[in-house]
Amino acid sequence: MLKLFGNLGIYQGMLEFFSEAGIKLALLIVLLLLFFMVFAALKLISDTILALSLLFLSKDSEGKALNSVRKGSVIYVIGGCLFIVQRSIHLRAWVDLYRDECRG
């Protein structure tokens, strides 16, 4: 991503206002936010498709099938928590590496 900004001539202009670490951190935050929005939209689409398929194809008139399927969403919560823990460990290692480079 930084090579793309360098080829476009944007990177030198950004370095006049921000440090290299600040640019990398801002890009990390923007990319994480972008991926979160994409995956949230995909989850919303999949939930809509699931609900519509249960509405049209299920013989359940009381909604018990939909409630039992929604309990499976716990997998998404657990996966999200594991992702956050993994990212925080990775980010912490990156920050420590950056501090070591700055010191010596």
C-alpha atoms as a PDB file:
ATOM      1  CA  MET A   1       0.000   0.000   0.000  1.00  0.00           C
ATOM      2  CA  LEU A   2       2.845   2.353   0.824  1.00  0.00           C
ATOM      3  CA  LYS A   3       4.518   1.495  -2.495  1.00  0.00           C
ATOM      4  CA  LEU A   4       1.303   2.467  -4.267  1.00  0.00           C
ATOM      5  CA  PHE A   5       1.256   5.817  -2.470  1.00  0.00           C
ATOM      6  CA  GLY A   6       4.933   6.274  -3.346  1.00  0.00           C
ATOM      7  CA  ASN A   7       4.307   5.550  -7.023  1.00  0.00           C
ATOM      8  CA  LEU A   8       1.406   8.003  -7.064  1.00  0.00           C
ATOM      9  CA  GLY A   9       3.505  10.689  -5.381  1.00  0.00           C
ATOM     10  CA  ILE A  10       1.215  10.964  -2.369  1.00  0.00           C
ATOM     11  CA  TYR A  11       3.620   9.428   0.139  1.00  0.00           C
ATOM     12  CA  GLN A  12       6.146  12.294   0.101  1.00  0.00           C
ATOM     13  CA  GLY A  13       3.378  14.799   0.716  1.00  0.00           C
ATOM     14  CA  MET A  14       2.055  12.733   3.596  1.00  0.00           C
ATOM     15  CA  LEU A  15       5.540  12.549   5.147  1.00  0.00           C
ATOM     16  CA  GLU A  16       5.611  16.351   5.341  1.00  0.00           C
ATOM     17  CA  PHE A  17       2.709  16.294   7.787  1.00  0.00           C
ATOM     18  CA  PHE A  18       2.937  12.879   9.506  1.00  0.00           C
ATOM     19  CA  SER A  19       5.642  10.491  10.612  1.00  0.00           C
ATOM     20  CA  GLU A  20       6.069   7.155   8.862  1.00  0.00           C
ATOM     21  CA  ALA A  21       4.713   5.306  11.914  1.00  0.00           C
ATOM     22  CA  GLY A  22       1.695   7.618  11.996  1.00  0.00           C
ATOM     23  CA  ILE A  23       0.954   6.915   8.345  1.00  0.00           C
ATOM     24  CA  LYS A  24       1.234   3.159   8.895  1.00  0.00           C
ATOM     25  CA  LEU A  25      -1.002   3.322  11.964  1.00  0.00           C
ATOM     26  CA  ALA A  26      -3.604   5.381  10.125  1.00  0.00           C
ATOM     27  CA  LEU A  27      -3.558   2.930   7.201  1.00  0.00           C
ATOM     28  CA  LEU A  28      -3.948   0.027   9.626  1.00  0.00           C
ATOM     29  CA  ILE A  29      -6.971   1.640  11.243  1.00  0.00           C
ATOM     30  CA  VAL A  30      -8.540   2.485   7.881  1.00  0.00           C
ATOM     31  CA  LEU A  31      -8.006  -1.045   6.540  1.00  0.00           C
ATOM     32  CA  LEU A  32      -9.366  -2.657   9.727  1.00  0.00           C
ATOM     33  CA  LEU A  33     -12.432  -0.424   9.533  1.00  0.00           C
ATOM     34  CA  LEU A  34     -12.901  -1.251   5.860  1.00  0.00           C
ATOM     35  CA  PHE A  35     -12.650  -5.008   6.454  1.00  0.00           C
ATOM     36  CA  PHE A  36     -15.048  -4.746   9.406  1.00  0.00           C
ATOM     37  CA  MET A  37     -17.607  -2.965   7.245  1.00  0.00           C
ATOM     38  CA  VAL A  38     -17.271  -5.510   4.431  1.00  0.00           C
ATOM     39  CA  PHE A  39     -17.644  -8.504   6.752  1.00  0.00           C
ATOM     40  CA  ALA A  40     -20.568  -6.877   8.586  1.00  0.00           C
ATOM     41  CA  ALA A  41     -22.327  -6.323   5.254  1.00  0.00           C
ATOM     42  CA  LEU A  42     -21.678  -9.936   4.227  1.00  0.00           C
ATOM     43  CA  LYS A  43     -23.071 -11.183   7.545  1.00  0.00           C
ATOM     44  CA  LEU A  44     -26.165  -9.015   7.110  1.00  0.00           C
ATOM     45  CA  ILE A  45     -26.717 -10.408   3.625  1.00  0.00           C
ATOM     46  CA  SER A  46     -26.274 -13.995   4.817  1.00  0.00           C
ATOM     47  CA  ASP A  47     -28.685 -13.475   7.727  1.00  0.00           C
ATOM     48  CA  THR A  48     -31.260 -12.019   5.340  1.00  0.00           C
ATOM     49  CA  ILE A  49     -30.903 -14.934   2.922  1.00  0.00           C
ATOM     50  CA  LEU A  50     -31.183 -17.412   5.799  1.00  0.00           C
ATOM     51  CA  ALA A  51     -34.305 -15.771   7.210  1.00  0.00           C
ATOM     52  CA  LEU A  52     -35.965 -15.589   3.801  1.00  0.00           C
ATOM     53  CA  SER A  53     -35.157 -19.202   3.018  1.00  0.00           C
ATOM     54  CA  LEU A  54     -36.616 -20.303   6.358  1.00  0.00           C
ATOM     55  CA  LEU A  55     -39.672 -18.146   5.734  1.00  0.00           C
ATOM     56  CA  PHE A  56     -40.398 -19.628   2.319  1.00  0.00           C
ATOM     57  CA  LEU A  57     -39.110 -23.196   2.661  1.00  0.00           C
ATOM     58  CA  SER A  58     -39.815 -24.129   6.265  1.00  0.00           C
ATOM     59  CA  LYS A  59     -43.035 -25.783   7.373  1.00  0.00           C
ATOM     60  CA  ASP A  60     -42.585 -24.320  10.856  1.00  0.00           C
ATOM     61  CA  SER A  61     -45.331 -21.785  11.521  1.00  0.00           C
ATOM     62  CA  GLU A  62     -44.236 -20.751  15.031  1.00  0.00           C
ATOM     63  CA  GLY A  63     -40.633 -19.752  14.239  1.00  0.00           C
ATOM     64  CA  LYS A  64     -38.907 -22.441  16.294  1.00  0.00           C
ATOM     65  CA  ALA A  65     -36.560 -23.302  13.436  1.00  0.00           C
ATOM     66  CA  LEU A  66     -35.434 -19.684  13.106  1.00  0.00           C
ATOM     67  CA  ASN A  67     -34.758 -19.417  16.835  1.00  0.00           C
ATOM     68  CA  SER A  68     -32.743 -22.627  16.831  1.00  0.00           C
ATOM     69  CA  VAL A  69     -30.695 -21.442  13.852  1.00  0.00           C
ATOM     70  CA  ARG A  70     -30.002 -18.083  15.484  1.00  0.00           C
ATOM     71  CA  LYS A  71     -28.339 -19.862  18.401  1.00  0.00           C
ATOM     72  CA  GLY A  72     -25.603 -20.797  15.926  1.00  0.00           C
ATOM     73  CA  SER A  73     -24.618 -17.128  15.742  1.00  0.00           C
ATOM     74  CA  VAL A  74     -22.565 -17.718  18.882  1.00  0.00           C
ATOM     75  CA  ILE A  75     -19.904 -19.058  16.513  1.00  0.00           C
ATOM     76  CA  TYR A  76     -19.599 -15.578  14.967  1.00  0.00           C
ATOM     77  CA  VAL A  77     -19.214 -13.974  18.403  1.00  0.00           C
ATOM     78  CA  ILE A  78     -16.522 -16.450  19.453  1.00  0.00           C
ATOM     79  CA  GLY A  79     -14.701 -16.002  16.135  1.00  0.00           C
ATOM     80  CA  GLY A  80     -14.852 -12.230  16.485  1.00  0.00           C
ATOM     81  CA  CYS A  81     -13.465 -12.360  20.017  1.00  0.00           C
ATOM     82  CA  LEU A  82     -10.627 -14.642  18.926  1.00  0.00           C
ATOM     83  CA  PHE A  83      -9.846 -12.296  16.049  1.00  0.00           C
ATOM     84  CA  ILE A  84      -9.701  -9.277  18.366  1.00  0.00           C
ATOM     85  CA  VAL A  85      -7.375 -11.101  20.775  1.00  0.00           C
ATOM     86  CA  GLN A  86      -5.130 -12.219  17.915  1.00  0.00           C
ATOM     87  CA  ARG A  87      -5.026  -8.710  16.414  1.00  0.00           C
ATOM     88  CA  SER A  88      -4.241  -7.094  19.762  1.00  0.00           C
ATOM     89  CA  ILE A  89      -1.336  -9.501  20.301  1.00  0.00           C
ATOM     90  CA  HIS A  90      -0.078  -8.802  16.787  1.00  0.00           C
ATOM     91  CA  LEU A  91      -0.447  -5.033  17.234  1.00  0.00           C
ATOM     92  CA  ARG A  92       1.333  -5.156  20.587  1.00  0.00           C
ATOM     93  CA  ALA A  93       4.257  -7.015  18.986  1.00  0.00           C
ATOM     94  CA  TRP A  94       4.366  -4.417  16.203  1.00  0.00           C
ATOM     95  CA  VAL A  95       4.418  -1.545  18.709  1.00  0.00           C
ATOM     96  CA  ASP A  96       7.217  -3.230  20.699  1.00  0.00           C
ATOM     97  CA  LEU A  97       9.228  -3.750  17.512  1.00  0.00           C
ATOM     98  CA  TYR A  98       8.757  -0.094  16.573  1.00  0.00           C
ATOM     99  CA  ARG A  99       9.899   1.051  20.027  1.00  0.00           C
ATOM    100  CA  ASP A 100      13.024  -1.110  19.775  1.00  0.00           C
ATOM    101  CA  GLU A 101      13.856   0.382  16.382  1.00  0.00           C
ATOM    102  CA  CYS A 102      13.408   3.914  17.698  1.00  0.00           C
ATOM    103  CA  ARG A 103      15.684   3.306  20.697  1.00  0.00           C
ATOM    104  CA  GLY A 104      18.618   1.928  18.880  1.00  0.00           C
END
